[in-house]
């Protein structure tokens, strides 16, 4: 458990450092623009590819190879080694995330062999995305159903959509991170969080 928490902190620190160095566009919250809902006519941020397969923006799915993911996002990026032995790459990806408008520095994390996508993660903030953590939780409740909660280093809200777990980690009142994890990987590596979700789903 301690090793997993330490690895998560190191990964988050790496993420924050790289994100802070990116040269993305600046966004400001527009109080006159409502947050998108499930009925929004704009292309959804994530759409189910089938009854049991979850598809992220650009058609990215868990289990894809690095070359498949990079082909979908139109970028070629070298893989790096993560602290836990897995492979990863990060890039600024023009996708549809919290409010359908922002570019994101996204981490794509693969298994140790570097063959299958297991997780992807990006950081959000009220100033960049026009949505505070509470706004994002409410939006995800519409997309994925009621959330479960689990407190570790951060307050975490959890959802499950087909074969993917979605975790929104609240850093403070303005900042949060969103992580999408392949079902089997998440359940094997995050048993306490998985149990918290199962208890909430059964309630």
Protein backbone atom coordinates (compact mmCIF):
# COMPACT_ATOMS: atom_id res chain seq x y z
CA UNK A 1 0.00 0.00 0.00
CA UNK A 2 2.79 2.45 0.97
CA UNK A 3 4.73 1.56 -2.19
CA UNK A 4 1.63 2.16 -4.30
CA UNK A 5 0.98 5.53 -2.65
CA UNK A 6 4.63 6.54 -3.13
CA UNK A 7 4.49 5.54 -6.78
CA UNK A 8 1.31 7.54 -7.22
CA UNK A 9 2.91 10.60 -5.64
CA UNK A 10 6.00 10.30 -7.84
CA UNK A 11 3.86 9.93 -10.94
CA UNK A 12 1.74 12.91 -9.94
CA UNK A 13 4.88 15.00 -9.28
CA UNK A 14 6.27 14.03 -12.69
CA UNK A 15 2.93 14.86 -14.25
CA UNK A 16 2.78 18.26 -12.56
CA UNK A 17 6.34 19.10 -13.59
CA UNK A 18 5.80 18.24 -17.22
CA UNK A 19 2.39 19.90 -17.27
CA UNK A 20 3.84 23.05 -15.80
CA UNK A 21 6.44 23.21 -18.58
CA UNK A 22 3.96 22.78 -21.39
CA UNK A 23 3.11 25.77 -23.53
CA UNK A 24 -0.59 25.30 -23.95
CA UNK A 25 -3.24 27.94 -24.42
CA UNK A 26 -4.61 29.85 -21.42
CA UNK A 27 -8.31 29.56 -20.71
CA UNK A 28 -10.52 31.60 -18.45
CA UNK A 29 -13.76 30.58 -16.82
CA UNK A 30 -16.75 32.12 -18.56
CA UNK A 31 -19.54 32.41 -16.02
CA UNK A 32 -22.11 32.86 -18.81
CA UNK A 33 -21.40 29.52 -20.48
CA UNK A 34 -23.22 26.55 -18.89
CA UNK A 35 -21.37 23.32 -18.29
CA UNK A 36 -22.11 20.60 -20.86
CA UNK A 37 -24.60 17.90 -19.97
CA UNK A 38 -25.34 14.43 -21.23
CA UNK A 39 -27.83 16.02 -23.64
CA UNK A 40 -25.16 18.31 -25.15
CA UNK A 41 -25.18 18.20 -28.94
CA UNK A 42 -21.41 18.64 -29.12
CA UNK A 43 -19.49 15.39 -29.61
CA UNK A 44 -19.21 13.74 -26.19
CA UNK A 45 -15.89 13.60 -24.40
CA UNK A 46 -16.06 9.86 -24.01
CA UNK A 47 -18.44 7.49 -25.71
CA UNK A 48 -19.07 3.78 -25.19
CA UNK A 49 -17.72 1.71 -28.07
CA UNK A 50 -20.01 -1.15 -27.12
CA UNK A 51 -21.79 -2.66 -24.13
CA UNK A 52 -18.53 -3.63 -22.44
CA UNK A 53 -15.86 -1.49 -24.14
CA UNK A 54 -15.20 2.13 -23.21
CA UNK A 55 -13.83 4.51 -25.82
CA UNK A 56 -12.04 7.71 -24.84
CA UNK A 57 -11.64 10.82 -27.03
CA UNK A 58 -10.45 10.07 -30.60
CA UNK A 59 -11.55 6.44 -30.21
CA UNK A 60 -8.75 5.47 -27.80
CA UNK A 61 -9.47 2.25 -25.88
CA UNK A 62 -7.71 0.39 -23.12
CA UNK A 63 -5.55 -2.46 -24.40
CA UNK A 64 -4.37 -0.54 -27.46
CA UNK A 65 -0.67 -0.52 -28.33
CA UNK A 66 1.40 2.69 -28.26
CA UNK A 67 1.43 2.81 -32.06
CA UNK A 68 -2.36 2.47 -32.20
CA UNK A 69 -2.84 5.29 -29.68
CA UNK A 70 -0.33 7.55 -31.40
CA UNK A 71 -1.93 6.90 -34.77
CA UNK A 72 -5.28 8.07 -33.39
CA UNK A 73 -3.87 11.27 -31.89
CA UNK A 74 -1.61 11.98 -34.88
CA UNK A 75 1.65 12.15 -32.91
CA UNK A 76 4.74 9.98 -32.60
CA UNK A 77 6.30 10.04 -29.13
CA UNK A 78 9.03 7.87 -27.59
CA UNK A 79 8.14 5.71 -24.60
CA UNK A 80 9.73 6.41 -21.21
CA UNK A 81 10.06 4.23 -18.12
CA UNK A 82 7.70 4.96 -15.23
CA UNK A 83 8.74 4.52 -11.58
CA UNK A 84 6.69 1.32 -11.30
CA UNK A 85 8.36 -0.31 -14.33
CA UNK A 86 5.61 0.42 -16.79
CA UNK A 87 6.04 2.36 -20.03
CA UNK A 88 4.51 5.77 -20.70
CA UNK A 89 4.49 8.75 -22.96
CA UNK A 90 2.91 12.17 -22.63
CA UNK A 91 1.81 14.71 -25.18
CA UNK A 92 -0.44 17.70 -25.59
CA UNK A 93 -3.61 16.26 -27.04
CA UNK A 94 -6.37 18.39 -28.55
CA UNK A 95 -9.36 16.47 -27.32
CA UNK A 96 -12.70 16.90 -25.64
CA UNK A 97 -12.31 16.61 -21.90
CA UNK A 98 -14.14 18.44 -19.13
CA UNK A 99 -15.69 21.27 -21.11
CA UNK A 100 -15.11 20.10 -24.72
CA UNK A 101 -12.68 22.94 -25.45
CA UNK A 102 -9.26 22.55 -23.85
CA UNK A 103 -5.98 21.02 -24.92
CA UNK A 104 -4.49 18.67 -22.36
CA UNK A 105 -1.08 17.31 -21.49
CA UNK A 106 -2.07 13.65 -21.20
CA UNK A 107 -0.09 10.75 -19.75
CA UNK A 108 -0.65 7.42 -21.52
CA UNK A 109 0.58 4.50 -19.38
CA UNK A 110 1.18 0.99 -20.73
CA UNK A 111 2.05 -2.38 -19.22
CA UNK A 112 5.69 -3.28 -18.47
CA UNK A 113 6.10 -4.78 -21.92
CA UNK A 114 4.88 -1.53 -23.44
CA UNK A 115 2.18 -3.28 -25.43
CA UNK A 116 -1.19 -2.46 -23.87
CA UNK A 117 -2.68 0.81 -22.63
CA UNK A 118 -3.65 0.49 -18.95
CA UNK A 119 -4.17 4.07 -17.81
CA UNK A 120 -4.37 7.64 -19.00
CA UNK A 121 -4.33 10.72 -16.82
CA UNK A 122 -4.60 14.48 -17.16
CA UNK A 123 -4.66 17.44 -14.80
CA UNK A 124 -7.47 19.99 -14.63
CA UNK A 125 -7.99 23.35 -13.00
CA UNK A 126 -10.84 25.80 -12.67
CA UNK A 127 -8.90 28.48 -14.57
CA UNK A 128 -7.96 26.21 -17.49
CA UNK A 129 -11.16 24.23 -17.82
CA UNK A 130 -13.88 26.54 -16.59
CA UNK A 131 -14.99 23.87 -14.13
CA UNK A 132 -14.22 23.57 -10.44
CA UNK A 133 -13.81 20.09 -8.93
CA UNK A 134 -17.43 20.11 -7.72
CA UNK A 135 -18.58 21.04 -11.24
CA UNK A 136 -16.59 18.17 -12.73
CA UNK A 137 -17.97 15.67 -10.20
CA UNK A 138 -21.53 16.74 -11.02
CA UNK A 139 -20.81 16.44 -14.74
CA UNK A 140 -19.30 12.97 -14.35
CA UNK A 141 -22.30 11.90 -12.26
CA UNK A 142 -24.43 12.71 -15.31
CA UNK A 143 -22.10 10.83 -17.65
CA UNK A 144 -21.34 7.76 -15.54
CA UNK A 145 -23.92 7.61 -12.77
CA UNK A 146 -23.54 8.25 -9.02
CA UNK A 147 -19.96 8.18 -7.76
CA UNK A 148 -18.30 6.40 -4.88
CA UNK A 149 -15.79 8.16 -2.62
CA UNK A 150 -12.44 7.03 -1.28
CA UNK A 151 -9.98 9.15 0.68
CA UNK A 152 -6.24 8.51 0.45
CA UNK A 153 -3.74 11.29 -0.24
CA UNK A 154 -6.62 13.13 -1.91
CA UNK A 155 -10.39 12.97 -1.89
CA UNK A 156 -11.19 10.60 -4.75
CA UNK A 157 -14.49 10.21 -6.58
CA UNK A 158 -14.87 6.92 -8.47
CA UNK A 159 -17.05 5.77 -11.35
CA UNK A 160 -17.10 2.67 -13.53
CA UNK A 161 -17.98 2.88 -17.21
CA UNK A 162 -18.00 -0.47 -19.04
CA UNK A 163 -14.43 -1.84 -18.74
CA UNK A 164 -12.87 1.33 -17.29
CA UNK A 165 -12.69 2.91 -13.83
CA UNK A 166 -12.71 6.70 -13.73
CA UNK A 167 -11.11 8.46 -10.75
CA UNK A 168 -11.29 12.20 -10.13
CA UNK A 169 -8.75 13.17 -7.46
CA UNK A 170 -9.39 16.53 -5.81
CA UNK A 171 -6.11 18.29 -4.98
CA UNK A 172 -7.72 21.49 -3.67
CA UNK A 173 -10.77 23.63 -4.40
CA UNK A 174 -9.39 24.64 -7.80
CA UNK A 175 -7.25 21.71 -8.99
CA UNK A 176 -7.91 18.06 -9.71
CA UNK A 177 -6.66 15.15 -11.79
CA UNK A 178 -8.66 12.62 -13.80
CA UNK A 179 -7.42 9.07 -14.32
CA UNK A 180 -8.94 6.38 -16.54
CA UNK A 181 -7.83 2.81 -15.69
CA UNK A 182 -8.42 -0.52 -17.40
CA UNK A 183 -10.72 -2.63 -15.21
CA UNK A 184 -8.41 -5.59 -14.49
CA UNK A 185 -5.39 -3.37 -13.84
CA UNK A 186 -7.36 -1.15 -11.46
CA UNK A 187 -8.91 -4.01 -9.50
CA UNK A 188 -5.52 -5.75 -9.12
CA UNK A 189 -3.63 -2.64 -8.02
CA UNK A 190 -6.27 -0.63 -6.16
CA UNK A 191 -8.22 -3.18 -4.08
CA UNK A 192 -9.39 -0.69 -1.44
CA UNK A 193 -10.69 1.75 -4.02
CA UNK A 194 -12.35 -1.11 -5.90
CA UNK A 195 -14.08 -2.27 -2.72
CA UNK A 196 -15.24 1.29 -2.00
CA UNK A 197 -16.84 1.43 -5.44
CA UNK A 198 -18.48 -1.98 -5.02
CA UNK A 199 -19.95 -1.02 -1.65
CA UNK A 200 -21.35 2.21 -3.08
CA UNK A 201 -22.76 0.44 -6.13
CA UNK A 202 -24.49 -2.15 -3.93
CA UNK A 203 -26.01 0.45 -1.59
